[in-house]
């Protein structure tokens, strides 16, 4: 078996999660979080589209983790993001974190906004 080392360059991978928190780049962060090319920051949840629209020129796709279960992203959040030209994919937060990690390891331009599980 051959193992290859993955390099995350300047972006931080999501190392883990638990009830109400995420561990990103070795640091535990409570509550909803947005991780992307500008680093890690708190996210205001479905009511906070402004902070996500800031990513429009930096990423091609934004993954939205909807918590422990997959849910639809409310139109009040999805519509402004798509109108700004940001591709949005919703999935449960564990799947969004895994997908984000795989794509950043490939050097893709992605970000993720996660609601806690």
N, C-alpha and C. Protein backbone atom coordinates (compact mmCIF):
# COMPACT_ATOMS: atom_id res chain seq x y z
N UNK A 1 0.85 -1.16 0.00
CA UNK A 1 0.00 0.00 0.00
C UNK A 1 0.90 1.23 0.00
N UNK A 2 0.51 2.22 -0.79
CA UNK A 2 1.25 3.47 -0.84
C UNK A 2 0.38 4.59 -0.26
N UNK A 3 0.94 5.38 0.65
CA UNK A 3 0.24 6.51 1.24
C UNK A 3 0.86 7.80 0.72
N UNK A 4 0.02 8.73 0.34
CA UNK A 4 0.49 10.03 -0.15
C UNK A 4 0.14 11.11 0.85
N UNK A 5 1.07 12.01 1.08
CA UNK A 5 0.81 13.13 1.97
C UNK A 5 -0.01 14.17 1.25
N UNK A 6 -0.99 14.72 1.94
CA UNK A 6 -1.85 15.75 1.37
C UNK A 6 -1.40 17.10 1.89
N UNK A 7 -1.26 18.06 0.99
CA UNK A 7 -0.87 19.41 1.38
C UNK A 7 -2.07 20.33 1.22
N UNK A 8 -2.36 21.14 2.25
CA UNK A 8 -3.50 22.03 2.21
C UNK A 8 -3.11 23.48 1.93
N UNK A 9 -1.85 23.73 1.57
CA UNK A 9 -1.32 25.07 1.28
C UNK A 9 -1.76 26.07 2.35
N UNK A 10 -2.43 27.14 1.97
CA UNK A 10 -2.79 28.19 2.93
C UNK A 10 -4.16 27.99 3.58
N UNK A 11 -4.96 27.08 3.08
CA UNK A 11 -6.29 26.87 3.66
C UNK A 11 -6.23 25.80 4.74
N UNK A 12 -7.14 25.90 5.68
CA UNK A 12 -7.14 24.97 6.81
C UNK A 12 -8.16 23.87 6.61
N UNK A 13 -7.78 22.63 6.87
CA UNK A 13 -8.75 21.53 6.78
C UNK A 13 -9.62 21.48 8.04
N UNK A 14 -10.75 20.84 7.90
CA UNK A 14 -11.63 20.60 9.04
C UNK A 14 -11.22 19.26 9.63
N UNK A 15 -10.70 19.31 10.86
CA UNK A 15 -10.14 18.12 11.49
C UNK A 15 -11.19 17.26 12.18
N UNK A 16 -12.30 17.87 12.60
CA UNK A 16 -13.31 17.11 13.30
C UNK A 16 -14.47 17.99 13.73
N UNK A 17 -15.44 17.36 14.37
CA UNK A 17 -16.62 18.08 14.83
C UNK A 17 -17.25 17.29 15.97
N UNK A 18 -18.10 17.97 16.69
CA UNK A 18 -18.84 17.33 17.77
C UNK A 18 -20.05 18.17 18.09
N UNK A 19 -20.76 17.84 19.14
CA UNK A 19 -21.97 18.60 19.46
C UNK A 19 -21.66 20.08 19.71
N UNK A 20 -22.03 20.92 18.77
CA UNK A 20 -21.89 22.36 18.91
C UNK A 20 -20.55 22.95 18.55
N UNK A 21 -19.60 22.16 18.03
CA UNK A 21 -18.30 22.72 17.70
C UNK A 21 -17.69 22.04 16.47
N UNK A 22 -16.68 22.72 15.90
CA UNK A 22 -15.87 22.18 14.82
C UNK A 22 -14.41 22.38 15.20
N UNK A 23 -13.55 21.48 14.77
CA UNK A 23 -12.11 21.66 14.95
C UNK A 23 -11.52 21.91 13.57
N UNK A 24 -10.96 23.10 13.40
CA UNK A 24 -10.43 23.53 12.10
C UNK A 24 -8.97 23.89 12.27
N UNK A 25 -8.11 23.21 11.52
CA UNK A 25 -6.68 23.49 11.63
C UNK A 25 -6.16 23.34 13.03
N UNK A 26 -6.74 22.41 13.80
CA UNK A 26 -6.30 22.15 15.16
C UNK A 26 -6.95 23.00 16.23
N UNK A 27 -7.79 23.95 15.84
CA UNK A 27 -8.43 24.86 16.79
C UNK A 27 -9.93 24.55 16.90
N UNK A 28 -10.44 24.43 18.12
CA UNK A 28 -11.87 24.20 18.32
C UNK A 28 -12.63 25.52 18.23
N UNK A 29 -13.73 25.50 17.47
CA UNK A 29 -14.55 26.69 17.28
C UNK A 29 -15.98 26.32 17.59
N UNK A 30 -16.58 27.08 18.49
CA UNK A 30 -17.97 26.84 18.91
C UNK A 30 -18.95 27.44 17.90
N UNK A 31 -20.06 26.77 17.66
CA UNK A 31 -21.13 27.31 16.83
C UNK A 31 -20.89 27.18 15.35
N UNK A 32 -21.71 27.89 14.58
CA UNK A 32 -21.63 27.86 13.12
C UNK A 32 -20.34 28.53 12.67
N UNK A 33 -19.75 27.99 11.60
CA UNK A 33 -18.44 28.46 11.15
C UNK A 33 -18.39 28.51 9.62
N UNK A 34 -17.60 29.43 9.10
CA UNK A 34 -17.33 29.51 7.66
C UNK A 34 -15.82 29.35 7.49
N UNK A 35 -15.43 28.43 6.61
CA UNK A 35 -14.02 28.16 6.36
C UNK A 35 -13.77 28.32 4.87
N UNK A 36 -12.78 29.13 4.54
CA UNK A 36 -12.47 29.35 3.13
C UNK A 36 -11.10 29.95 2.96
N UNK A 37 -10.85 30.55 1.81
CA UNK A 37 -9.52 31.09 1.53
C UNK A 37 -9.11 32.24 2.44
N UNK A 38 -10.06 32.90 3.07
CA UNK A 38 -9.75 33.99 4.00
C UNK A 38 -9.60 33.51 5.43
N UNK A 39 -9.63 32.22 5.64
CA UNK A 39 -9.47 31.67 6.98
C UNK A 39 -10.78 31.19 7.57
N UNK A 40 -10.81 31.18 8.88
CA UNK A 40 -11.93 30.65 9.64
C UNK A 40 -12.61 31.80 10.37
N UNK A 41 -13.94 31.82 10.30
CA UNK A 41 -14.68 32.86 11.04
C UNK A 41 -16.05 32.32 11.44
N UNK A 42 -16.63 32.97 12.42
CA UNK A 42 -17.98 32.61 12.84
C UNK A 42 -18.94 32.93 11.71
N UNK A 43 -20.00 32.15 11.59
CA UNK A 43 -21.03 32.37 10.58
C UNK A 43 -22.36 32.52 11.30
N UNK A 44 -23.19 33.47 10.87
CA UNK A 44 -24.47 33.73 11.52
C UNK A 44 -25.59 32.80 11.12
N UNK A 45 -25.30 31.72 10.43
CA UNK A 45 -26.33 30.76 10.04
C UNK A 45 -27.13 31.23 8.83
N UNK A 46 -28.31 30.66 8.67
CA UNK A 46 -29.13 30.92 7.49
C UNK A 46 -29.52 32.39 7.32
N UNK A 47 -29.40 33.19 8.38
CA UNK A 47 -29.73 34.61 8.28
C UNK A 47 -28.56 35.47 7.82
N UNK A 48 -27.40 34.87 7.59
CA UNK A 48 -26.18 35.61 7.29
C UNK A 48 -25.70 35.32 5.86
N UNK A 49 -26.29 35.99 4.89
CA UNK A 49 -25.82 35.82 3.50
C UNK A 49 -24.68 36.77 3.17
N UNK A 50 -24.62 37.92 3.84
CA UNK A 50 -23.62 38.95 3.50
C UNK A 50 -22.19 38.42 3.62
N UNK A 51 -21.90 37.70 4.69
CA UNK A 51 -20.53 37.21 4.86
C UNK A 51 -20.17 36.16 3.81
N UNK A 52 -21.16 35.45 3.30
CA UNK A 52 -20.90 34.44 2.28
C UNK A 52 -20.76 35.07 0.90
N UNK A 53 -21.49 36.12 0.64
CA UNK A 53 -21.39 36.81 -0.66
C UNK A 53 -19.99 37.38 -0.84
N UNK A 54 -19.31 37.71 0.24
CA UNK A 54 -17.94 38.20 0.16
C UNK A 54 -16.99 37.20 -0.50
N UNK A 55 -17.37 35.94 -0.55
CA UNK A 55 -16.53 34.88 -1.12
C UNK A 55 -16.66 34.75 -2.64
N UNK A 56 -17.56 35.51 -3.25
CA UNK A 56 -17.93 35.28 -4.65
C UNK A 56 -16.75 35.30 -5.62
N UNK A 57 -15.78 36.15 -5.44
CA UNK A 57 -14.64 36.21 -6.35
C UNK A 57 -13.50 35.28 -5.95
N UNK A 58 -13.65 34.59 -4.82
CA UNK A 58 -12.58 33.75 -4.31
C UNK A 58 -12.82 32.26 -4.45
N UNK A 59 -14.09 31.86 -4.59
CA UNK A 59 -14.40 30.43 -4.68
C UNK A 59 -15.37 30.17 -5.83
N UNK A 60 -15.36 28.94 -6.28
CA UNK A 60 -16.28 28.52 -7.33
C UNK A 60 -17.54 27.88 -6.76
N UNK A 61 -17.38 27.23 -5.61
CA UNK A 61 -18.50 26.53 -4.97
C UNK A 61 -18.45 26.75 -3.47
N UNK A 62 -19.62 26.97 -2.91
CA UNK A 62 -19.78 27.07 -1.46
C UNK A 62 -20.63 25.90 -1.01
N UNK A 63 -20.09 25.09 -0.11
CA UNK A 63 -20.85 24.00 0.49
C UNK A 63 -21.49 24.53 1.76
N UNK A 64 -22.75 24.24 1.93
CA UNK A 64 -23.45 24.64 3.14
C UNK A 64 -23.85 23.38 3.90
N UNK A 65 -23.29 23.24 5.09
CA UNK A 65 -23.61 22.12 5.96
C UNK A 65 -24.81 22.49 6.81
N UNK A 66 -25.87 21.72 6.68
CA UNK A 66 -27.15 22.06 7.31
C UNK A 66 -27.34 21.39 8.68
N UNK A 67 -26.25 21.04 9.33
CA UNK A 67 -26.35 20.38 10.64
C UNK A 67 -26.25 18.88 10.49
N UNK A 68 -26.87 18.16 11.40
CA UNK A 68 -26.80 16.71 11.41
C UNK A 68 -27.58 16.04 10.29
N UNK A 69 -28.58 16.71 9.78
CA UNK A 69 -29.42 16.16 8.71
C UNK A 69 -29.37 17.08 7.49
N UNK A 70 -29.49 16.50 6.32
CA UNK A 70 -29.55 17.30 5.10
C UNK A 70 -30.89 18.01 5.04
N UNK A 71 -30.85 19.29 4.73
CA UNK A 71 -32.06 20.10 4.63
C UNK A 71 -31.90 21.08 3.47
N UNK A 72 -33.00 21.63 3.04
CA UNK A 72 -32.96 22.65 2.00
C UNK A 72 -32.45 23.96 2.60
N UNK A 73 -31.64 24.66 1.81
CA UNK A 73 -31.20 25.99 2.22
C UNK A 73 -32.36 26.94 1.96
N UNK A 74 -32.76 27.74 2.93
CA UNK A 74 -33.89 28.65 2.72
C UNK A 74 -33.63 29.58 1.53
N UNK A 75 -34.69 29.87 0.79
CA UNK A 75 -34.58 30.75 -0.38
C UNK A 75 -34.00 32.11 -0.02
N UNK A 76 -34.27 32.60 1.18
CA UNK A 76 -33.74 33.90 1.61
C UNK A 76 -32.22 33.89 1.68
N UNK A 77 -31.61 32.73 1.80
CA UNK A 77 -30.15 32.62 1.77
C UNK A 77 -29.67 32.21 0.38
N UNK A 78 -30.27 31.18 -0.19
CA UNK A 78 -29.82 30.64 -1.47
C UNK A 78 -29.93 31.67 -2.60
N UNK A 79 -31.06 32.38 -2.70
CA UNK A 79 -31.28 33.30 -3.83
C UNK A 79 -30.22 34.40 -3.93
N UNK A 80 -29.90 35.12 -2.85
CA UNK A 80 -28.86 36.15 -2.97
C UNK A 80 -27.49 35.58 -3.33
N UNK A 81 -27.17 34.38 -2.84
CA UNK A 81 -25.89 33.77 -3.15
C UNK A 81 -25.80 33.42 -4.63
N UNK A 82 -26.86 32.81 -5.15
CA UNK A 82 -26.86 32.43 -6.56
C UNK A 82 -26.93 33.65 -7.46
N UNK A 83 -27.66 34.68 -7.07
CA UNK A 83 -27.71 35.92 -7.86
C UNK A 83 -26.34 36.59 -7.92
N UNK A 84 -25.54 36.43 -6.87
CA UNK A 84 -24.19 37.00 -6.85
C UNK A 84 -23.22 36.17 -7.68
N UNK A 85 -23.66 34.98 -8.12
CA UNK A 85 -22.82 34.13 -8.96
C UNK A 85 -22.08 33.05 -8.20
N UNK A 86 -22.51 32.76 -7.00
CA UNK A 86 -21.85 31.75 -6.18
C UNK A 86 -22.60 30.43 -6.27
N UNK A 87 -21.91 29.38 -6.68
CA UNK A 87 -22.52 28.05 -6.71
C UNK A 87 -22.70 27.54 -5.30
N UNK A 88 -23.88 27.02 -4.98
CA UNK A 88 -24.22 26.58 -3.63
C UNK A 88 -24.65 25.11 -3.68
N UNK A 89 -24.05 24.32 -2.79
CA UNK A 89 -24.42 22.91 -2.64
C UNK A 89 -24.71 22.65 -1.17
N UNK A 90 -25.88 22.13 -0.87
CA UNK A 90 -26.27 21.83 0.51
C UNK A 90 -26.15 20.34 0.79
N UNK A 91 -25.69 20.03 1.99
CA UNK A 91 -25.61 18.66 2.47
C UNK A 91 -25.48 18.71 3.98
N UNK A 92 -25.55 17.59 4.66
CA UNK A 92 -25.37 17.64 6.11
C UNK A 92 -23.94 18.08 6.42
N UNK A 93 -23.72 18.62 7.59
CA UNK A 93 -22.42 19.21 7.93
C UNK A 93 -21.26 18.22 7.88
N UNK A 94 -21.40 16.96 8.37
CA UNK A 94 -20.28 16.03 8.23
C UNK A 94 -19.89 15.79 6.77
N UNK A 95 -20.87 15.62 5.89
CA UNK A 95 -20.57 15.40 4.47
C UNK A 95 -19.94 16.65 3.84
N UNK A 96 -20.43 17.83 4.22
CA UNK A 96 -19.88 19.08 3.68
C UNK A 96 -18.42 19.24 4.11
N UNK A 97 -18.11 18.91 5.35
CA UNK A 97 -16.73 19.01 5.84
C UNK A 97 -15.82 18.05 5.09
N UNK A 98 -16.27 16.82 4.88
CA UNK A 98 -15.45 15.84 4.16
C UNK A 98 -15.24 16.28 2.72
N UNK A 99 -16.29 16.73 2.07
CA UNK A 99 -16.19 17.16 0.67
C UNK A 99 -15.25 18.34 0.54
N UNK A 100 -15.37 19.31 1.46
CA UNK A 100 -14.48 20.47 1.47
C UNK A 100 -13.03 20.02 1.59
N UNK A 101 -12.74 19.11 2.52
CA UNK A 101 -11.36 18.64 2.71
C UNK A 101 -10.80 17.98 1.46
N UNK A 102 -11.59 17.15 0.81
CA UNK A 102 -11.13 16.48 -0.40
C UNK A 102 -10.81 17.51 -1.48
N UNK A 103 -11.70 18.47 -1.67
CA UNK A 103 -11.51 19.43 -2.75
C UNK A 103 -10.36 20.41 -2.48
N UNK A 104 -10.15 20.81 -1.23
CA UNK A 104 -9.00 21.69 -0.98
C UNK A 104 -7.69 20.91 -1.16
N UNK A 105 -7.71 19.61 -0.89
CA UNK A 105 -6.50 18.82 -1.11
C UNK A 105 -6.16 18.73 -2.60
N UNK A 106 -7.15 18.94 -3.45
CA UNK A 106 -6.94 18.96 -4.90
C UNK A 106 -6.64 20.36 -5.41
N UNK A 107 -6.61 21.34 -4.49
CA UNK A 107 -6.32 22.71 -4.88
C UNK A 107 -7.51 23.46 -5.45
N UNK A 108 -8.71 22.97 -5.18
CA UNK A 108 -9.92 23.61 -5.72
C UNK A 108 -10.26 24.87 -4.94
N UNK A 109 -11.00 25.76 -5.59
CA UNK A 109 -11.45 27.03 -4.99
C UNK A 109 -12.82 26.82 -4.36
N UNK A 110 -12.83 26.38 -3.10
CA UNK A 110 -14.08 26.09 -2.40
C UNK A 110 -14.06 26.71 -1.01
N UNK A 111 -15.26 26.85 -0.45
CA UNK A 111 -15.44 27.26 0.93
C UNK A 111 -16.60 26.46 1.50
N UNK A 112 -16.73 26.48 2.81
CA UNK A 112 -17.80 25.74 3.45
C UNK A 112 -18.34 26.57 4.62
N UNK A 113 -19.66 26.58 4.73
CA UNK A 113 -20.35 27.21 5.87
C UNK A 113 -21.10 26.09 6.57
N UNK A 114 -20.84 25.92 7.85
CA UNK A 114 -21.35 24.76 8.58
C UNK A 114 -22.18 25.15 9.79
N UNK A 115 -23.35 24.53 9.89
CA UNK A 115 -24.13 24.60 11.12
C UNK A 115 -23.72 23.42 11.99
N UNK A 116 -23.65 23.61 13.30
CA UNK A 116 -23.21 22.50 14.16
C UNK A 116 -24.17 21.32 14.15
N UNK A 117 -23.62 20.16 14.47
CA UNK A 117 -24.43 18.94 14.56
C UNK A 117 -24.96 18.78 15.96
